[in-house]
């Protein structure tokens, strides 16, 4: 009896040792069709009411049937999203960390977070700071993504931090696509720093990468539809040949015409009598 007991203990001890010595394989990160960073402007050029329109617009778009259909058409039938608000080059407020959407229930949970009470914005506009924060989020995400996309929306040009083209080019070099939603609207404390051709500014200075595009918004009643359309295109990676069907969707393209001044926001800030701090 004692011999059998000793033999059993010996066998158990050997098994425990083998398990302890066997390397444990880390679980492979979940694969998604696209990792999408939604970077939303809350600088003081945005009024409190306009910031609320933005939040509700994104919430409605994420839960729309068209967006869910685009997700289901992907190879993995799931995407990962994160949402933060930005203003100056030191301000970023995460509203929702990385979250997977593969069902209407997932989308509704995200929308509920976006509908929560929002706060007033911060001074200055640093699109470059927003892009750098978005790139950092993509580099530290817990997923393997077929595509990485930054979705930038804002109502004014960069006027603080590094030049927006520097941030854009660094992101593109890492295989990240940047799309834009320029808000050619009026209102808010800092609207005197806005420019009339913000759509051209976004096209020439902000967006870039494979299949990149921007959709200008000329009035706030267009915002919900523009966001929905934008998300469908980003998730579905629609080929360039289809984009012109929507006249408001403008793909990025090489321009050989007159050069565009991508430092117009910084110069406008100085012309108004303010120093150009970093």
C-alpha atoms as a PDB file:
ATOM      1  CA  UNK A   1       0.000   0.000   0.000  1.00  0.00           C
ATOM      2  CA  UNK A   2       2.827   2.339   0.953  1.00  0.00           C
ATOM      3  CA  UNK A   3       4.630   1.479  -2.284  1.00  0.00           C
ATOM      4  CA  UNK A   4       1.554   2.360  -4.351  1.00  0.00           C
ATOM      5  CA  UNK A   5       1.171   5.640  -2.447  1.00  0.00           C
ATOM      6  CA  UNK A   6       4.829   6.504  -2.972  1.00  0.00           C
ATOM      7  CA  UNK A   7       4.557   5.655  -6.689  1.00  0.00           C
ATOM      8  CA  UNK A   8       1.486   7.877  -7.080  1.00  0.00           C
ATOM      9  CA  UNK A   9       3.273  10.763  -5.363  1.00  0.00           C
ATOM     10  CA  UNK A  10       6.260  10.258  -7.639  1.00  0.00           C
ATOM     11  CA  UNK A  11       4.070  10.344 -10.761  1.00  0.00           C
ATOM     12  CA  UNK A  12       2.240  13.496  -9.578  1.00  0.00           C
ATOM     13  CA  UNK A  13       5.516  15.216  -8.719  1.00  0.00           C
ATOM     14  CA  UNK A  14       6.877  14.418 -12.182  1.00  0.00           C
ATOM     15  CA  UNK A  15       3.742  15.814 -13.853  1.00  0.00           C
ATOM     16  CA  UNK A  16       3.929  19.021 -11.842  1.00  0.00           C
ATOM     17  CA  UNK A  17       7.583  19.457 -12.778  1.00  0.00           C
ATOM     18  CA  UNK A  18       6.829  18.908 -16.464  1.00  0.00           C
ATOM     19  CA  UNK A  19       4.023  21.475 -16.358  1.00  0.00           C
ATOM     20  CA  UNK A  20       6.246  23.964 -14.568  1.00  0.00           C
ATOM     21  CA  UNK A  21       9.014  23.561 -17.121  1.00  0.00           C
ATOM     22  CA  UNK A  22       6.698  23.733 -20.155  1.00  0.00           C
ATOM     23  CA  UNK A  23       6.720  27.283 -21.596  1.00  0.00           C
ATOM     24  CA  UNK A  24       3.314  28.946 -21.547  1.00  0.00           C
ATOM     25  CA  UNK A  25       2.366  30.420 -24.917  1.00  0.00           C
ATOM     26  CA  UNK A  26       0.882  33.863 -24.716  1.00  0.00           C
ATOM     27  CA  UNK A  27      -2.567  34.093 -26.224  1.00  0.00           C
ATOM     28  CA  UNK A  28      -2.416  35.716 -29.661  1.00  0.00           C
ATOM     29  CA  UNK A  29      -4.101  39.136 -29.784  1.00  0.00           C
ATOM     30  CA  UNK A  30      -7.522  39.263 -31.370  1.00  0.00           C
ATOM     31  CA  UNK A  31      -7.553  40.109 -35.077  1.00  0.00           C
ATOM     32  CA  UNK A  32      -9.753  42.911 -36.408  1.00  0.00           C
ATOM     33  CA  UNK A  33     -10.391  44.268 -39.887  1.00  0.00           C
ATOM     34  CA  UNK A  34      -9.597  47.851 -38.931  1.00  0.00           C
ATOM     35  CA  UNK A  35      -8.374  49.703 -35.854  1.00  0.00           C
ATOM     36  CA  UNK A  36     -10.055  53.111 -35.930  1.00  0.00           C
ATOM     37  CA  UNK A  37      -9.079  56.078 -33.770  1.00  0.00           C
ATOM     38  CA  UNK A  38     -11.738  58.799 -33.619  1.00  0.00           C
ATOM     39  CA  UNK A  39      -9.979  62.065 -32.721  1.00  0.00           C
ATOM     40  CA  UNK A  40     -12.482  64.865 -32.142  1.00  0.00           C
ATOM     41  CA  UNK A  41     -11.763  68.591 -31.820  1.00  0.00           C
ATOM     42  CA  UNK A  42     -12.982  70.306 -28.635  1.00  0.00           C
ATOM     43  CA  UNK A  43     -10.944  73.515 -28.888  1.00  0.00           C
ATOM     44  CA  UNK A  44     -12.647  76.753 -27.866  1.00  0.00           C
ATOM     45  CA  UNK A  45     -13.599  77.448 -31.475  1.00  0.00           C
ATOM     46  CA  UNK A  46     -16.231  74.763 -30.831  1.00  0.00           C
ATOM     47  CA  UNK A  47     -19.260  75.898 -28.841  1.00  0.00           C
ATOM     48  CA  UNK A  48     -20.660  73.730 -26.059  1.00  0.00           C
ATOM     49  CA  UNK A  49     -23.701  72.916 -28.209  1.00  0.00           C
ATOM     50  CA  UNK A  50     -21.507  71.950 -31.178  1.00  0.00           C
ATOM     51  CA  UNK A  51     -19.511  69.548 -29.039  1.00  0.00           C
ATOM     52  CA  UNK A  52     -22.781  67.886 -28.091  1.00  0.00           C
ATOM     53  CA  UNK A  53     -23.740  67.576 -31.769  1.00  0.00           C
ATOM     54  CA  UNK A  54     -20.422  65.836 -32.416  1.00  0.00           C
ATOM     55  CA  UNK A  55     -20.934  63.315 -29.627  1.00  0.00           C
ATOM     56  CA  UNK A  56     -24.501  62.512 -30.688  1.00  0.00           C
ATOM     57  CA  UNK A  57     -23.484  62.315 -34.338  1.00  0.00           C
ATOM     58  CA  UNK A  58     -20.810  59.701 -33.673  1.00  0.00           C
ATOM     59  CA  UNK A  59     -23.161  57.749 -31.393  1.00  0.00           C
ATOM     60  CA  UNK A  60     -25.852  57.637 -34.095  1.00  0.00           C
ATOM     61  CA  UNK A  61     -23.372  56.652 -36.799  1.00  0.00           C
ATOM     62  CA  UNK A  62     -21.794  53.797 -34.819  1.00  0.00           C
ATOM     63  CA  UNK A  63     -25.185  52.217 -34.151  1.00  0.00           C
ATOM     64  CA  UNK A  64     -26.498  52.664 -37.703  1.00  0.00           C
ATOM     65  CA  UNK A  65     -27.429  49.671 -39.818  1.00  0.00           C
ATOM     66  CA  UNK A  66     -25.076  50.800 -42.592  1.00  0.00           C
ATOM     67  CA  UNK A  67     -22.049  50.748 -40.289  1.00  0.00           C
ATOM     68  CA  UNK A  68     -22.964  47.325 -38.895  1.00  0.00           C
ATOM     69  CA  UNK A  69     -23.352  46.010 -42.444  1.00  0.00           C
ATOM     70  CA  UNK A  70     -19.883  47.324 -43.335  1.00  0.00           C
ATOM     71  CA  UNK A  71     -18.443  45.528 -40.290  1.00  0.00           C
ATOM     72  CA  UNK A  72     -20.106  42.226 -41.251  1.00  0.00           C
ATOM     73  CA  UNK A  73     -18.559  42.402 -44.724  1.00  0.00           C
ATOM     74  CA  UNK A  74     -15.023  42.279 -43.339  1.00  0.00           C
ATOM     75  CA  UNK A  75     -12.852  39.166 -43.215  1.00  0.00           C
ATOM     76  CA  UNK A  76     -12.975  39.060 -39.395  1.00  0.00           C
ATOM     77  CA  UNK A  77     -16.385  40.766 -39.094  1.00  0.00           C
ATOM     78  CA  UNK A  78     -15.141  42.932 -36.232  1.00  0.00           C
ATOM     79  CA  UNK A  79     -13.392  46.260 -35.788  1.00  0.00           C
ATOM     80  CA  UNK A  80     -11.678  47.987 -32.856  1.00  0.00           C
ATOM     81  CA  UNK A  81     -12.358  51.630 -32.026  1.00  0.00           C
ATOM     82  CA  UNK A  82     -11.250  54.239 -29.527  1.00  0.00           C
ATOM     83  CA  UNK A  83     -12.535  57.800 -29.098  1.00  0.00           C
ATOM     84  CA  UNK A  84     -10.773  60.817 -27.603  1.00  0.00           C
ATOM     85  CA  UNK A  85     -11.192  64.580 -27.658  1.00  0.00           C
ATOM     86  CA  UNK A  86      -8.275  66.941 -28.302  1.00  0.00           C
ATOM     87  CA  UNK A  87      -7.490  70.661 -28.259  1.00  0.00           C
ATOM     88  CA  UNK A  88      -3.986  71.993 -27.524  1.00  0.00           C
ATOM     89  CA  UNK A  89      -0.913  69.817 -27.851  1.00  0.00           C
ATOM     90  CA  UNK A  90      -1.034  68.707 -24.208  1.00  0.00           C
ATOM     91  CA  UNK A  91      -4.775  68.071 -23.967  1.00  0.00           C
ATOM     92  CA  UNK A  92      -6.400  64.758 -24.854  1.00  0.00           C
ATOM     93  CA  UNK A  93      -9.380  63.306 -23.026  1.00  0.00           C
ATOM     94  CA  UNK A  94     -10.158  59.644 -23.617  1.00  0.00           C
ATOM     95  CA  UNK A  95     -13.890  59.039 -23.701  1.00  0.00           C
ATOM     96  CA  UNK A  96     -13.664  55.381 -24.665  1.00  0.00           C
ATOM     97  CA  UNK A  97     -10.644  53.089 -24.700  1.00  0.00           C
ATOM     98  CA  UNK A  98     -10.065  50.339 -27.256  1.00  0.00           C
ATOM     99  CA  UNK A  99     -13.296  48.404 -27.741  1.00  0.00           C
ATOM    100  CA  UNK A 100     -14.300  45.717 -30.235  1.00  0.00           C
ATOM    101  CA  UNK A 101     -17.486  46.090 -32.262  1.00  0.00           C
ATOM    102  CA  UNK A 102     -18.883  42.915 -33.794  1.00  0.00           C
ATOM    103  CA  UNK A 103     -22.551  43.180 -32.816  1.00  0.00           C
ATOM    104  CA  UNK A 104     -25.245  45.857 -32.472  1.00  0.00           C
ATOM    105  CA  UNK A 105     -25.015  45.395 -28.703  1.00  0.00           C
ATOM    106  CA  UNK A 106     -21.306  46.306 -28.768  1.00  0.00           C
ATOM    107  CA  UNK A 107     -22.089  49.410 -30.791  1.00  0.00           C
ATOM    108  CA  UNK A 108     -24.854  50.487 -28.428  1.00  0.00           C
ATOM    109  CA  UNK A 109     -22.571  50.233 -25.385  1.00  0.00           C
ATOM    110  CA  UNK A 110     -20.103  52.566 -27.096  1.00  0.00           C
ATOM    111  CA  UNK A 111     -22.858  54.963 -28.133  1.00  0.00           C
ATOM    112  CA  UNK A 112     -24.073  55.114 -24.528  1.00  0.00           C
ATOM    113  CA  UNK A 113     -20.623  56.313 -23.437  1.00  0.00           C
ATOM    114  CA  UNK A 114     -20.580  58.970 -26.136  1.00  0.00           C
ATOM    115  CA  UNK A 115     -23.958  60.278 -25.021  1.00  0.00           C
ATOM    116  CA  UNK A 116     -22.668  61.030 -21.517  1.00  0.00           C
ATOM    117  CA  UNK A 117     -22.321  64.633 -20.381  1.00  0.00           C
ATOM    118  CA  UNK A 118     -19.506  66.440 -22.172  1.00  0.00           C
ATOM    119  CA  UNK A 119     -17.299  69.199 -20.831  1.00  0.00           C
ATOM    120  CA  UNK A 120     -16.274  72.525 -22.262  1.00  0.00           C
ATOM    121  CA  UNK A 121     -13.250  72.632 -24.514  1.00  0.00           C
ATOM    122  CA  UNK A 122      -9.708  73.896 -24.097  1.00  0.00           C
ATOM    123  CA  UNK A 123      -7.868  76.738 -25.827  1.00  0.00           C
ATOM    124  CA  UNK A 124      -5.701  76.337 -28.944  1.00  0.00           C
ATOM    125  CA  UNK A 125      -5.890  73.873 -31.826  1.00  0.00           C
ATOM    126  CA  UNK A 126      -3.141  71.285 -32.251  1.00  0.00           C
ATOM    127  CA  UNK A 127      -4.107  68.806 -34.950  1.00  0.00           C
ATOM    128  CA  UNK A 128      -0.517  67.572 -34.839  1.00  0.00           C
ATOM    129  CA  UNK A 129      -0.864  66.849 -31.126  1.00  0.00           C
ATOM    130  CA  UNK A 130      -4.074  64.940 -31.814  1.00  0.00           C
ATOM    131  CA  UNK A 131      -2.386  62.875 -34.528  1.00  0.00           C
ATOM    132  CA  UNK A 132       0.576  62.036 -32.295  1.00  0.00           C
ATOM    133  CA  UNK A 133      -1.790  60.904 -29.539  1.00  0.00           C
ATOM    134  CA  UNK A 134      -3.728  58.773 -32.036  1.00  0.00           C
ATOM    135  CA  UNK A 135      -0.526  57.152 -33.321  1.00  0.00           C
ATOM    136  CA  UNK A 136       0.471  56.298 -29.761  1.00  0.00           C
ATOM    137  CA  UNK A 137      -2.926  54.676 -29.211  1.00  0.00           C
ATOM    138  CA  UNK A 138      -2.500  52.572 -32.360  1.00  0.00           C
ATOM    139  CA  UNK A 139       1.008  51.492 -31.360  1.00  0.00           C
ATOM    140  CA  UNK A 140      -0.215  50.284 -27.972  1.00  0.00           C
ATOM    141  CA  UNK A 141      -3.514  48.677 -28.949  1.00  0.00           C
ATOM    142  CA  UNK A 142      -4.123  45.047 -27.848  1.00  0.00           C
ATOM    143  CA  UNK A 143      -5.198  43.883 -31.332  1.00  0.00           C
ATOM    144  CA  UNK A 144      -3.771  42.849 -34.687  1.00  0.00           C
ATOM    145  CA  UNK A 145      -5.395  45.067 -37.323  1.00  0.00           C
ATOM    146  CA  UNK A 146      -5.460  44.613 -41.085  1.00  0.00           C
ATOM    147  CA  UNK A 147      -5.670  48.412 -41.401  1.00  0.00           C
ATOM    148  CA  UNK A 148      -4.953  51.317 -39.042  1.00  0.00           C
ATOM    149  CA  UNK A 149      -6.959  54.509 -39.490  1.00  0.00           C
ATOM    150  CA  UNK A 150      -7.078  57.878 -37.731  1.00  0.00           C
ATOM    151  CA  UNK A 151     -10.349  59.782 -38.132  1.00  0.00           C
ATOM    152  CA  UNK A 152      -9.713  63.502 -37.437  1.00  0.00           C
ATOM    153  CA  UNK A 153     -12.523  66.046 -37.188  1.00  0.00           C
ATOM    154  CA  UNK A 154     -12.057  69.738 -36.481  1.00  0.00           C
ATOM    155  CA  UNK A 155     -13.147  73.263 -37.376  1.00  0.00           C
ATOM    156  CA  UNK A 156      -9.832  75.074 -37.671  1.00  0.00           C
ATOM    157  CA  UNK A 157      -6.218  74.768 -38.803  1.00  0.00           C
ATOM    158  CA  UNK A 158      -3.295  73.775 -36.613  1.00  0.00           C
ATOM    159  CA  UNK A 159      -2.008  76.739 -34.568  1.00  0.00           C
ATOM    160  CA  UNK A 160       0.094  75.087 -31.863  1.00  0.00           C
ATOM    161  CA  UNK A 161       2.663  72.338 -31.508  1.00  0.00           C
ATOM    162  CA  UNK A 162       4.665  70.880 -34.371  1.00  0.00           C
ATOM    163  CA  UNK A 163       3.520  71.512 -37.963  1.00  0.00           C
ATOM    164  CA  UNK A 164       0.631  69.244 -38.877  1.00  0.00           C
ATOM    165  CA  UNK A 165       2.476  67.957 -41.943  1.00  0.00           C
ATOM    166  CA  UNK A 166       5.273  66.603 -39.720  1.00  0.00           C
ATOM    167  CA  UNK A 167       2.793  64.613 -37.633  1.00  0.00           C
ATOM    168  CA  UNK A 168       0.966  63.438 -40.751  1.00  0.00           C
ATOM    169  CA  UNK A 169       4.116  62.246 -42.494  1.00  0.00           C
ATOM    170  CA  UNK A 170       5.317  60.329 -39.435  1.00  0.00           C
ATOM    171  CA  UNK A 171       1.957  58.547 -39.201  1.00  0.00           C
ATOM    172  CA  UNK A 172       1.952  57.677 -42.905  1.00  0.00           C
ATOM    173  CA  UNK A 173       5.479  56.249 -42.628  1.00  0.00           C
ATOM    174  CA  UNK A 174       4.088  53.787 -40.072  1.00  0.00           C
ATOM    175  CA  UNK A 175       1.408  52.546 -42.471  1.00  0.00           C
ATOM    176  CA  UNK A 176      -1.417  54.535 -40.890  1.00  0.00           C
ATOM    177  CA  UNK A 177      -4.141  56.219 -42.955  1.00  0.00           C
ATOM    178  CA  UNK A 178      -5.512  59.614 -41.869  1.00  0.00           C
ATOM    179  CA  UNK A 179      -8.991  60.698 -42.946  1.00  0.00           C
ATOM    180  CA  UNK A 180     -10.586  64.055 -42.240  1.00  0.00           C
ATOM    181  CA  UNK A 181     -13.893  65.639 -41.368  1.00  0.00           C
ATOM    182  CA  UNK A 182     -13.317  69.412 -41.714  1.00  0.00           C
ATOM    183  CA  UNK A 183     -16.121  71.395 -40.086  1.00  0.00           C
ATOM    184  CA  UNK A 184     -16.549  74.571 -42.130  1.00  0.00           C
ATOM    185  CA  UNK A 185     -18.896  76.098 -39.569  1.00  0.00           C
ATOM    186  CA  UNK A 186     -19.037  79.257 -37.459  1.00  0.00           C
ATOM    187  CA  UNK A 187     -19.511  79.882 -33.767  1.00  0.00           C
ATOM    188  CA  UNK A 188     -17.497  79.331 -30.633  1.00  0.00           C
ATOM    189  CA  UNK A 189     -15.060  81.569 -28.788  1.00  0.00           C
ATOM    190  CA  UNK A 190     -12.123  81.138 -31.189  1.00  0.00           C
ATOM    191  CA  UNK A 191     -13.899  81.134 -34.540  1.00  0.00           C
ATOM    192  CA  UNK A 192     -11.817  84.172 -35.615  1.00  0.00           C
ATOM    193  CA  UNK A 193      -8.937  81.739 -36.112  1.00  0.00           C
ATOM    194  CA  UNK A 194     -10.841  79.595 -38.615  1.00  0.00           C
ATOM    195  CA  UNK A 195     -10.213  79.695 -42.370  1.00  0.00           C
ATOM    196  CA  UNK A 196     -12.769  79.604 -45.235  1.00  0.00           C
ATOM    197  CA  UNK A 197     -10.994  76.856 -47.209  1.00  0.00           C
ATOM    198  CA  UNK A 198     -10.588  74.385 -44.354  1.00  0.00           C
ATOM    199  CA  UNK A 199     -11.550  71.541 -46.695  1.00  0.00           C
ATOM    200  CA  UNK A 200      -8.574  72.325 -48.929  1.00  0.00           C
ATOM    201  CA  UNK A 201      -6.352  72.625 -45.843  1.00  0.00           C
ATOM    202  CA  UNK A 202      -7.381  69.154 -44.710  1.00  0.00           C
ATOM    203  CA  UNK A 203      -6.874  67.723 -48.189  1.00  0.00           C
ATOM    204  CA  UNK A 204      -3.419  69.254 -48.659  1.00  0.00           C
ATOM    205  CA  UNK A 205      -2.062  69.226 -45.095  1.00  0.00           C
ATOM    206  CA  UNK A 206      -3.871  66.692 -42.875  1.00  0.00           C
ATOM    207  CA  UNK A 207      -5.095  63.549 -44.643  1.00  0.00           C
ATOM    208  CA  UNK A 208      -2.981  60.913 -46.332  1.00  0.00           C
ATOM    209  CA  UNK A 209      -2.275  57.224 -46.744  1.00  0.00           C
ATOM    210  CA  UNK A 210      -3.932  54.421 -48.745  1.00  0.00           C
ATOM    211  CA  UNK A 211      -7.525  55.287 -49.745  1.00  0.00           C
ATOM    212  CA  UNK A 212      -7.495  58.420 -47.575  1.00  0.00           C
ATOM    213  CA  UNK A 213     -10.271  60.982 -48.034  1.00  0.00           C
ATOM    214  CA  UNK A 214     -12.117  63.786 -46.304  1.00  0.00           C
ATOM    215  CA  UNK A 215     -15.765  64.825 -46.143  1.00  0.00           C
ATOM    216  CA  UNK A 216     -16.376  68.548 -45.547  1.00  0.00           C
ATOM    217  CA  UNK A 217     -19.297  69.588 -43.341  1.00  0.00           C
ATOM    218  CA  UNK A 218     -20.738  73.013 -44.227  1.00  0.00           C
ATOM    219  CA  UNK A 219     -23.545  73.068 -41.673  1.00  0.00           C
ATOM    220  CA  UNK A 220     -24.220  71.161 -38.472  1.00  0.00           C
ATOM    221  CA  UNK A 221     -27.334  69.480 -39.872  1.00  0.00           C
ATOM    222  CA  UNK A 222     -24.982  67.619 -42.257  1.00  0.00           C
ATOM    223  CA  UNK A 223     -22.820  66.257 -39.456  1.00  0.00           C
ATOM    224  CA  UNK A 224     -24.639  63.006 -38.520  1.00  0.00           C
ATOM    225  CA  UNK A 225     -24.880  61.845 -42.136  1.00  0.00           C
ATOM    226  CA  UNK A 226     -21.270  62.836 -42.861  1.00  0.00           C
ATOM    227  CA  UNK A 227     -19.987  60.800 -39.900  1.00  0.00           C
ATOM    228  CA  UNK A 228     -22.067  57.771 -40.890  1.00  0.00           C
ATOM    229  CA  UNK A 229     -20.837  57.953 -44.477  1.00  0.00           C
ATOM    230  CA  UNK A 230     -17.259  58.386 -43.304  1.00  0.00           C
ATOM    231  CA  UNK A 231     -17.335  55.370 -40.989  1.00  0.00           C
ATOM    232  CA  UNK A 232     -18.824  53.156 -43.705  1.00  0.00           C
ATOM    233  CA  UNK A 233     -16.017  54.122 -46.089  1.00  0.00           C
ATOM    234  CA  UNK A 234     -13.311  53.680 -43.468  1.00  0.00           C
ATOM    235  CA  UNK A 235     -14.532  50.281 -42.345  1.00  0.00           C
ATOM    236  CA  UNK A 236     -15.198  49.027 -45.844  1.00  0.00           C
ATOM    237  CA  UNK A 237     -12.001  50.453 -47.403  1.00  0.00           C
ATOM    238  CA  UNK A 238     -13.972  51.447 -50.501  1.00  0.00           C
ATOM    239  CA  UNK A 239     -11.774  51.694 -53.643  1.00  0.00           C
ATOM    240  CA  UNK A 240     -11.028  55.159 -55.033  1.00  0.00           C
ATOM    241  CA  UNK A 241     -13.224  54.526 -58.058  1.00  0.00           C
ATOM    242  CA  UNK A 242     -16.341  54.460 -55.889  1.00  0.00           C
ATOM    243  CA  UNK A 243     -15.616  57.554 -53.816  1.00  0.00           C
ATOM    244  CA  UNK A 244     -16.604  60.166 -56.441  1.00  0.00           C
ATOM    245  CA  UNK A 245     -20.193  58.874 -56.373  1.00  0.00           C
ATOM    246  CA  UNK A 246     -20.573  61.050 -53.280  1.00  0.00           C
ATOM    247  CA  UNK A 247     -19.583  64.606 -54.241  1.00  0.00           C
ATOM    248  CA  UNK A 248     -18.799  65.459 -50.637  1.00  0.00           C
ATOM    249  CA  UNK A 249     -16.192  62.675 -50.410  1.00  0.00           C
ATOM    250  CA  UNK A 250     -12.864  64.049 -51.593  1.00  0.00           C
ATOM    251  CA  UNK A 251      -9.994  61.557 -51.949  1.00  0.00           C
ATOM    252  CA  UNK A 252      -6.425  62.591 -51.232  1.00  0.00           C
ATOM    253  CA  UNK A 253      -4.424  63.191 -54.383  1.00  0.00           C
ATOM    254  CA  UNK A 254      -1.118  64.572 -55.570  1.00  0.00           C
ATOM    255  CA  UNK A 255      -1.471  68.236 -56.532  1.00  0.00           C
ATOM    256  CA  UNK A 256       0.901  69.885 -58.983  1.00  0.00           C
ATOM    257  CA  UNK A 257      -0.743  73.290 -58.820  1.00  0.00           C
ATOM    258  CA  UNK A 258       0.035  76.264 -56.619  1.00  0.00           C
ATOM    259  CA  UNK A 259       1.618  75.205 -53.283  1.00  0.00           C
ATOM    260  CA  UNK A 260      -0.619  75.453 -50.227  1.00  0.00           C
ATOM    261  CA  UNK A 261       0.592  77.110 -47.015  1.00  0.00           C
ATOM    262  CA  UNK A 262       0.122  74.453 -44.325  1.00  0.00           C
ATOM    263  CA  UNK A 263       1.324  76.934 -41.674  1.00  0.00           C
ATOM    264  CA  UNK A 264      -1.648  79.232 -42.280  1.00  0.00           C
ATOM    265  CA  UNK A 265      -3.058  78.545 -38.800  1.00  0.00           C
ATOM    266  CA  UNK A 266       0.188  79.402 -37.025  1.00  0.00           C
ATOM    267  CA  UNK A 267       0.559  82.598 -39.081  1.00  0.00           C
ATOM    268  CA  UNK A 268      -3.040  83.603 -38.403  1.00  0.00           C
ATOM    269  CA  UNK A 269      -2.437  83.173 -34.668  1.00  0.00           C
ATOM    270  CA  UNK A 270       0.589  85.494 -34.824  1.00  0.00           C
ATOM    271  CA  UNK A 271      -1.292  88.051 -36.945  1.00  0.00           C
ATOM    272  CA  UNK A 272      -3.914  88.297 -34.209  1.00  0.00           C
ATOM    273  CA  UNK A 273      -1.165  89.427 -31.846  1.00  0.00           C
ATOM    274  CA  UNK A 274      -0.427  86.183 -30.039  1.00  0.00           C
ATOM    275  CA  UNK A 275       2.946  84.528 -29.633  1.00  0.00           C
ATOM    276  CA  UNK A 276       3.559  81.115 -31.187  1.00  0.00           C
ATOM    277  CA  UNK A 277       4.263  78.972 -28.141  1.00  0.00           C
ATOM    278  CA  UNK A 278       4.981  75.270 -28.421  1.00  0.00           C
END
